[in-house]
């Protein structure tokens, strides 16, 4: 989309993360990492719309077929 490779994108993410966190922190728009506080966050900003982002994370599973079948 931007015509850059993954290594260059990774470099820019690391360069700009601090600036983004500072800007979002001043606007009190940093993401809430603790889902238990969701009601509190939503109540504090009723006029705003929120986006929930779910990140897929790899799960280590057994390589041996017998153990893998039992895991599922």
PDB file of N, CA and C in Angstrom:
ATOM      1  N   UNK A   1       0.820  -1.190   0.000  1.00  0.00           N
ATOM      2  CA  UNK A   1       0.000   0.000   0.000  1.00  0.00           C
ATOM      3  C   UNK A   1       0.872   1.266   0.000  1.00  0.00           C
ATOM      4  N   UNK A   2       1.963   1.257   0.763  1.00  0.00           N
ATOM      5  CA  UNK A   2       2.823   2.439   0.853  1.00  0.00           C
ATOM      6  C   UNK A   2       4.118   2.278   0.060  1.00  0.00           C
ATOM      7  N   UNK A   3       4.297   1.138  -0.564  1.00  0.00           N
ATOM      8  CA  UNK A   3       5.484   0.927  -1.376  1.00  0.00           C
ATOM      9  C   UNK A   3       6.760   0.718  -0.583  1.00  0.00           C
ATOM     10  N   UNK A   4       6.637   0.221   0.650  1.00  0.00           N
ATOM     11  CA  UNK A   4       7.828  -0.067   1.455  1.00  0.00           C
ATOM     12  C   UNK A   4       7.752  -1.513   1.929  1.00  0.00           C
ATOM     13  N   UNK A   5       8.904  -2.067   2.238  1.00  0.00           N
ATOM     14  CA  UNK A   5       8.956  -3.446   2.717  1.00  0.00           C
ATOM     15  C   UNK A   5       8.723  -3.531   4.218  1.00  0.00           C
ATOM     16  N   UNK A   6       8.597  -4.766   4.709  1.00  0.00           N
ATOM     17  CA  UNK A   6       8.342  -4.995   6.124  1.00  0.00           C
ATOM     18  C   UNK A   6       9.455  -4.455   7.015  1.00  0.00           C
ATOM     19  N   UNK A   7      10.740  -4.616   6.654  1.00  0.00           N
ATOM     20  CA  UNK A   7      11.790  -4.060   7.518  1.00  0.00           C
ATOM     21  C   UNK A   7      11.704  -2.535   7.650  1.00  0.00           C
ATOM     22  N   UNK A   8      11.422  -1.859   6.548  1.00  0.00           N
ATOM     23  CA  UNK A   8      11.317  -0.403   6.603  1.00  0.00           C
ATOM     24  C   UNK A   8      10.069   0.021   7.375  1.00  0.00           C
ATOM     25  N   UNK A   9       8.958  -0.702   7.201  1.00  0.00           N
ATOM     26  CA  UNK A   9       7.745  -0.406   7.964  1.00  0.00           C
ATOM     27  C   UNK A   9       8.000  -0.578   9.455  1.00  0.00           C
ATOM     28  N   UNK A  10       8.713  -1.635   9.821  1.00  0.00           N
ATOM     29  CA  UNK A  10       9.045  -1.883  11.221  1.00  0.00           C
ATOM     30  C   UNK A  10       9.882  -0.741  11.797  1.00  0.00           C
ATOM     31  N   UNK A  11      10.830  -0.248  11.009  1.00  0.00           N
ATOM     32  CA  UNK A  11      11.658   0.876  11.460  1.00  0.00           C
ATOM     33  C   UNK A  11      10.796   2.112  11.730  1.00  0.00           C
ATOM     34  N   UNK A  12       9.861   2.409  10.828  1.00  0.00           N
ATOM     35  CA  UNK A  12       9.001   3.582  11.010  1.00  0.00           C
ATOM     36  C   UNK A  12       8.054   3.422  12.196  1.00  0.00           C
ATOM     37  N   UNK A  13       7.576   2.209  12.412  1.00  0.00           N
ATOM     38  CA  UNK A  13       6.712   1.965  13.577  1.00  0.00           C
ATOM     39  C   UNK A  13       7.471   2.317  14.851  1.00  0.00           C
ATOM     40  N   UNK A  14       8.710   1.862  14.940  1.00  0.00           N
ATOM     41  CA  UNK A  14       9.502   2.142  16.141  1.00  0.00           C
ATOM     42  C   UNK A  14       9.845   3.625  16.267  1.00  0.00           C
ATOM     43  N   UNK A  15      10.087   4.291  15.158  1.00  0.00           N
ATOM     44  CA  UNK A  15      10.397   5.727  15.205  1.00  0.00           C
ATOM     45  C   UNK A  15       9.187   6.555  15.630  1.00  0.00           C
ATOM     46  N   UNK A  16       8.010   6.166  15.166  1.00  0.00           N
ATOM     47  CA  UNK A  16       6.823   6.996  15.377  1.00  0.00           C
ATOM     48  C   UNK A  16       5.981   6.608  16.588  1.00  0.00           C
ATOM     49  N   UNK A  17       6.238   5.474  17.201  1.00  0.00           N
ATOM     50  CA  UNK A  17       5.435   5.032  18.340  1.00  0.00           C
ATOM     51  C   UNK A  17       5.476   6.036  19.486  1.00  0.00           C
ATOM     52  N   UNK A  18       6.628   6.558  19.816  1.00  0.00           N
ATOM     53  CA  UNK A  18       6.740   7.537  20.907  1.00  0.00           C
ATOM     54  C   UNK A  18       5.945   8.797  20.627  1.00  0.00           C
ATOM     55  N   UNK A  19       6.025   9.289  19.393  1.00  0.00           N
ATOM     56  CA  UNK A  19       5.284  10.497  19.013  1.00  0.00           C
ATOM     57  C   UNK A  19       3.777  10.233  19.099  1.00  0.00           C
ATOM     58  N   UNK A  20       3.356   9.086  18.584  1.00  0.00           N
ATOM     59  CA  UNK A  20       1.933   8.730  18.614  1.00  0.00           C
ATOM     60  C   UNK A  20       1.431   8.586  20.046  1.00  0.00           C
ATOM     61  N   UNK A  21       2.187   7.901  20.894  1.00  0.00           N
ATOM     62  CA  UNK A  21       1.774   7.745  22.295  1.00  0.00           C
ATOM     63  C   UNK A  21       1.691   9.088  23.009  1.00  0.00           C
ATOM     64  N   UNK A  22       2.630   9.982  22.713  1.00  0.00           N
ATOM     65  CA  UNK A  22       2.605  11.299  23.336  1.00  0.00           C
ATOM     66  C   UNK A  22       1.364  12.071  22.883  1.00  0.00           C
ATOM     67  N   UNK A  23       1.071  12.043  21.592  1.00  0.00           N
ATOM     68  CA  UNK A  23      -0.094  12.768  21.067  1.00  0.00           C
ATOM     69  C   UNK A  23      -1.397  12.173  21.596  1.00  0.00           C
ATOM     70  N   UNK A  24      -1.511  10.863  21.589  1.00  0.00           N
ATOM     71  CA  UNK A  24      -2.731  10.228  22.077  1.00  0.00           C
ATOM     72  C   UNK A  24      -2.870  10.376  23.582  1.00  0.00           C
ATOM     73  N   UNK A  25      -1.758  10.389  24.296  1.00  0.00           N
ATOM     74  CA  UNK A  25      -1.791  10.571  25.742  1.00  0.00           C
ATOM     75  C   UNK A  25      -2.303  11.945  26.129  1.00  0.00           C
ATOM     76  N   UNK A  26      -1.896  12.974  25.366  1.00  0.00           N
ATOM     77  CA  UNK A  26      -2.378  14.327  25.647  1.00  0.00           C
ATOM     78  C   UNK A  26      -3.878  14.427  25.395  1.00  0.00           C
ATOM     79  N   UNK A  27      -4.372  13.690  24.420  1.00  0.00           N
ATOM     80  CA  UNK A  27      -5.802  13.711  24.093  1.00  0.00           C
ATOM     81  C   UNK A  27      -6.577  12.658  24.894  1.00  0.00           C
ATOM     82  N   UNK A  28      -5.889  11.939  25.755  1.00  0.00           N
ATOM     83  CA  UNK A  28      -6.479  10.858  26.552  1.00  0.00           C
ATOM     84  C   UNK A  28      -7.160   9.825  25.662  1.00  0.00           C
ATOM     85  N   UNK A  29      -6.486   9.461  24.587  1.00  0.00           N
ATOM     86  CA  UNK A  29      -7.014   8.504  23.626  1.00  0.00           C
ATOM     87  C   UNK A  29      -6.195   7.214  23.552  1.00  0.00           C
ATOM     88  N   UNK A  30      -5.312   7.002  24.521  1.00  0.00           N
ATOM     89  CA  UNK A  30      -4.535   5.765  24.503  1.00  0.00           C
ATOM     90  C   UNK A  30      -5.455   4.566  24.689  1.00  0.00           C
ATOM     91  N   UNK A  31      -5.162   3.441  24.039  1.00  0.00           N
ATOM     92  CA  UNK A  31      -6.026   2.270  24.168  1.00  0.00           C
ATOM     93  C   UNK A  31      -5.978   1.691  25.581  1.00  0.00           C
ATOM     94  N   UNK A  32      -7.096   1.175  26.021  1.00  0.00           N
ATOM     95  CA  UNK A  32      -7.167   0.518  27.331  1.00  0.00           C
ATOM     96  C   UNK A  32      -6.767  -0.938  27.133  1.00  0.00           C
ATOM     97  N   UNK A  33      -5.773  -1.376  27.857  1.00  0.00           N
ATOM     98  CA  UNK A  33      -5.268  -2.745  27.719  1.00  0.00           C
ATOM     99  C   UNK A  33      -5.980  -3.727  28.648  1.00  0.00           C
ATOM    100  N   UNK A  34      -6.686  -3.224  29.644  1.00  0.00           N
ATOM    101  CA  UNK A  34      -7.342  -4.086  30.617  1.00  0.00           C
ATOM    102  C   UNK A  34      -8.846  -4.120  30.316  1.00  0.00           C
ATOM    103  N   UNK A  35      -9.366  -5.243  29.811  1.00  0.00           N
ATOM    104  CA  UNK A  35     -10.788  -5.296  29.457  1.00  0.00           C
ATOM    105  C   UNK A  35     -11.719  -5.115  30.655  1.00  0.00           C
ATOM    106  N   UNK A  36     -11.230  -5.320  31.857  1.00  0.00           N
ATOM    107  CA  UNK A  36     -12.074  -5.140  33.043  1.00  0.00           C
ATOM    108  C   UNK A  36     -12.450  -3.672  33.248  1.00  0.00           C
ATOM    109  N   UNK A  37     -11.672  -2.757  32.658  1.00  0.00           N
ATOM    110  CA  UNK A  37     -11.933  -1.327  32.806  1.00  0.00           C
ATOM    111  C   UNK A  37     -12.774  -0.764  31.660  1.00  0.00           C
ATOM    112  N   UNK A  38     -13.283  -1.617  30.785  1.00  0.00           N
ATOM    113  CA  UNK A  38     -14.006  -1.152  29.605  1.00  0.00           C
ATOM    114  C   UNK A  38     -15.222  -0.306  29.956  1.00  0.00           C
ATOM    115  N   UNK A  39     -16.031  -0.729  30.911  1.00  0.00           N
ATOM    116  CA  UNK A  39     -17.217   0.041  31.292  1.00  0.00           C
ATOM    117  C   UNK A  39     -16.831   1.432  31.798  1.00  0.00           C
ATOM    118  N   UNK A  40     -15.753   1.491  32.560  1.00  0.00           N
ATOM    119  CA  UNK A  40     -15.268   2.771  33.092  1.00  0.00           C
ATOM    120  C   UNK A  40     -14.823   3.696  31.951  1.00  0.00           C
ATOM    121  N   UNK A  41     -14.106   3.145  30.983  1.00  0.00           N
ATOM    122  CA  UNK A  41     -13.633   3.936  29.850  1.00  0.00           C
ATOM    123  C   UNK A  41     -14.808   4.429  29.007  1.00  0.00           C
ATOM    124  N   UNK A  42     -15.765   3.561  28.725  1.00  0.00           N
ATOM    125  CA  UNK A  42     -16.931   3.951  27.928  1.00  0.00           C
ATOM    126  C   UNK A  42     -17.777   4.999  28.648  1.00  0.00           C
ATOM    127  N   UNK A  43     -17.910   4.887  29.965  1.00  0.00           N
ATOM    128  CA  UNK A  43     -18.697   5.851  30.739  1.00  0.00           C
ATOM    129  C   UNK A  43     -18.024   7.226  30.757  1.00  0.00           C
ATOM    130  N   UNK A  44     -16.696   7.257  30.705  1.00  0.00           N
ATOM    131  CA  UNK A  44     -15.966   8.521  30.754  1.00  0.00           C
ATOM    132  C   UNK A  44     -16.099   9.322  29.458  1.00  0.00           C
ATOM    133  N   UNK A  45     -16.410   8.656  28.372  1.00  0.00           N
ATOM    134  CA  UNK A  45     -16.474   9.328  27.057  1.00  0.00           C
ATOM    135  C   UNK A  45     -17.722   8.902  26.289  1.00  0.00           C
ATOM    136  N   UNK A  46     -18.914   9.226  26.759  1.00  0.00           N
ATOM    137  CA  UNK A  46     -20.131   8.728  26.101  1.00  0.00           C
ATOM    138  C   UNK A  46     -20.339   9.272  24.690  1.00  0.00           C
ATOM    139  N   UNK A  47     -19.763  10.435  24.377  1.00  0.00           N
ATOM    140  CA  UNK A  47     -19.987  11.027  23.060  1.00  0.00           C
ATOM    141  C   UNK A  47     -19.046  10.472  21.988  1.00  0.00           C
ATOM    142  N   UNK A  48     -18.038   9.714  22.385  1.00  0.00           N
ATOM    143  CA  UNK A  48     -17.067   9.184  21.445  1.00  0.00           C
ATOM    144  C   UNK A  48     -17.429   7.776  20.992  1.00  0.00           C
ATOM    145  N   UNK A  49     -17.003   7.440  19.786  1.00  0.00           N
ATOM    146  CA  UNK A  49     -17.142   6.081  19.289  1.00  0.00           C
ATOM    147  C   UNK A  49     -15.818   5.375  19.495  1.00  0.00           C
ATOM    148  N   UNK A  50     -15.877   4.108  19.832  1.00  0.00           N
ATOM    149  CA  UNK A  50     -14.676   3.348  20.109  1.00  0.00           C
ATOM    150  C   UNK A  50     -14.556   2.186  19.146  1.00  0.00           C
ATOM    151  N   UNK A  51     -13.332   1.784  18.894  1.00  0.00           N
ATOM    152  CA  UNK A  51     -13.045   0.634  18.052  1.00  0.00           C
ATOM    153  C   UNK A  51     -12.343  -0.403  18.916  1.00  0.00           C
ATOM    154  N   UNK A  52     -12.817  -1.632  18.837  1.00  0.00           N
ATOM    155  CA  UNK A  52     -12.174  -2.733  19.560  1.00  0.00           C
ATOM    156  C   UNK A  52     -11.260  -3.450  18.574  1.00  0.00           C
ATOM    157  N   UNK A  53     -10.008  -3.614  18.944  1.00  0.00           N
ATOM    158  CA  UNK A  53      -9.039  -4.272  18.085  1.00  0.00           C
ATOM    159  C   UNK A  53      -8.626  -5.582  18.728  1.00  0.00           C
ATOM    160  N   UNK A  54      -8.858  -6.676  18.040  1.00  0.00           N
ATOM    161  CA  UNK A  54      -8.436  -7.986  18.535  1.00  0.00           C
ATOM    162  C   UNK A  54      -7.216  -8.439  17.756  1.00  0.00           C
ATOM    163  N   UNK A  55      -6.165  -8.760  18.445  1.00  0.00           N
ATOM    164  CA  UNK A  55      -4.936  -9.173  17.784  1.00  0.00           C
ATOM    165  C   UNK A  55      -4.792 -10.676  17.901  1.00  0.00           C
ATOM    166  N   UNK A  56      -4.574 -11.312  16.771  1.00  0.00           N
ATOM    167  CA  UNK A  56      -4.376 -12.758  16.770  1.00  0.00           C
ATOM    168  C   UNK A  56      -2.971 -13.064  17.256  1.00  0.00           C
ATOM    169  N   UNK A  57      -2.868 -14.002  18.168  1.00  0.00           N
ATOM    170  CA  UNK A  57      -1.562 -14.379  18.700  1.00  0.00           C
ATOM    171  C   UNK A  57      -1.357 -15.880  18.499  1.00  0.00           C
ATOM    172  N   UNK A  58      -0.167 -16.263  18.103  1.00  0.00           N
ATOM    173  CA  UNK A  58       0.095 -17.689  17.900  1.00  0.00           C
ATOM    174  C   UNK A  58       0.062 -18.453  19.217  1.00  0.00           C
ATOM    175  N   UNK A  59      -0.397 -19.679  19.158  1.00  0.00           N
ATOM    176  CA  UNK A  59      -0.448 -20.549  20.331  1.00  0.00           C
ATOM    177  C   UNK A  59       0.426 -21.762  20.044  1.00  0.00           C
ATOM    178  N   UNK A  60       1.356 -22.034  20.944  1.00  0.00           N
ATOM    179  CA  UNK A  60       2.229 -23.194  20.766  1.00  0.00           C
ATOM    180  C   UNK A  60       1.421 -24.462  20.984  1.00  0.00           C
ATOM    181  N   UNK A  61       1.462 -25.322  19.998  1.00  0.00           N
ATOM    182  CA  UNK A  61       0.743 -26.594  20.079  1.00  0.00           C
ATOM    183  C   UNK A  61       1.729 -27.733  19.846  1.00  0.00           C
ATOM    184  N   UNK A  62       1.439 -28.913  20.379  1.00  0.00           N
ATOM    185  CA  UNK A  62       2.347 -30.052  20.211  1.00  0.00           C
ATOM    186  C   UNK A  62       2.542 -30.399  18.733  1.00  0.00           C
ATOM    187  N   UNK A  63       3.752 -30.830  18.383  1.00  0.00           N
ATOM    188  CA  UNK A  63       4.052 -31.218  17.009  1.00  0.00           C
ATOM    189  C   UNK A  63       3.691 -32.677  16.735  1.00  0.00           C
ATOM    190  N   UNK A  64       3.783 -33.516  17.755  1.00  0.00           N
ATOM    191  CA  UNK A  64       3.461 -34.936  17.582  1.00  0.00           C
ATOM    192  C   UNK A  64       1.962 -35.094  17.328  1.00  0.00           C
ATOM    193  N   UNK A  65       1.600 -35.903  16.336  1.00  0.00           N
ATOM    194  CA  UNK A  65       0.202 -36.038  15.931  1.00  0.00           C
ATOM    195  C   UNK A  65      -0.701 -36.491  17.074  1.00  0.00           C
ATOM    196  N   UNK A  66      -0.286 -37.471  17.846  1.00  0.00           N
ATOM    197  CA  UNK A  66      -1.117 -37.994  18.934  1.00  0.00           C
ATOM    198  C   UNK A  66      -1.382 -36.900  19.976  1.00  0.00           C
ATOM    199  N   UNK A  67      -0.330 -36.219  20.387  1.00  0.00           N
ATOM    200  CA  UNK A  67      -0.494 -35.148  21.362  1.00  0.00           C
ATOM    201  C   UNK A  67      -1.299 -33.991  20.781  1.00  0.00           C
ATOM    202  N   UNK A  68      -1.068 -33.693  19.500  1.00  0.00           N
ATOM    203  CA  UNK A  68      -1.788 -32.590  18.839  1.00  0.00           C
ATOM    204  C   UNK A  68      -3.285 -32.903  18.772  1.00  0.00           C
ATOM    205  N   UNK A  69      -3.639 -34.146  18.433  1.00  0.00           N
ATOM    206  CA  UNK A  69      -5.054 -34.548  18.359  1.00  0.00           C
ATOM    207  C   UNK A  69      -5.734 -34.437  19.716  1.00  0.00           C
ATOM    208  N   UNK A  70      -5.017 -34.803  20.783  1.00  0.00           N
ATOM    209  CA  UNK A  70      -5.580 -34.673  22.139  1.00  0.00           C
ATOM    210  C   UNK A  70      -5.746 -33.207  22.514  1.00  0.00           C
ATOM    211  N   UNK A  71      -4.851 -32.351  22.037  1.00  0.00           N
ATOM    212  CA  UNK A  71      -4.907 -30.923  22.345  1.00  0.00           C
ATOM    213  C   UNK A  71      -6.184 -30.290  21.803  1.00  0.00           C
ATOM    214  N   UNK A  72      -6.604 -30.723  20.618  1.00  0.00           N
ATOM    215  CA  UNK A  72      -7.808 -30.165  20.013  1.00  0.00           C
ATOM    216  C   UNK A  72      -9.024 -30.860  20.579  1.00  0.00           C
TER     217      UNK A  72
END
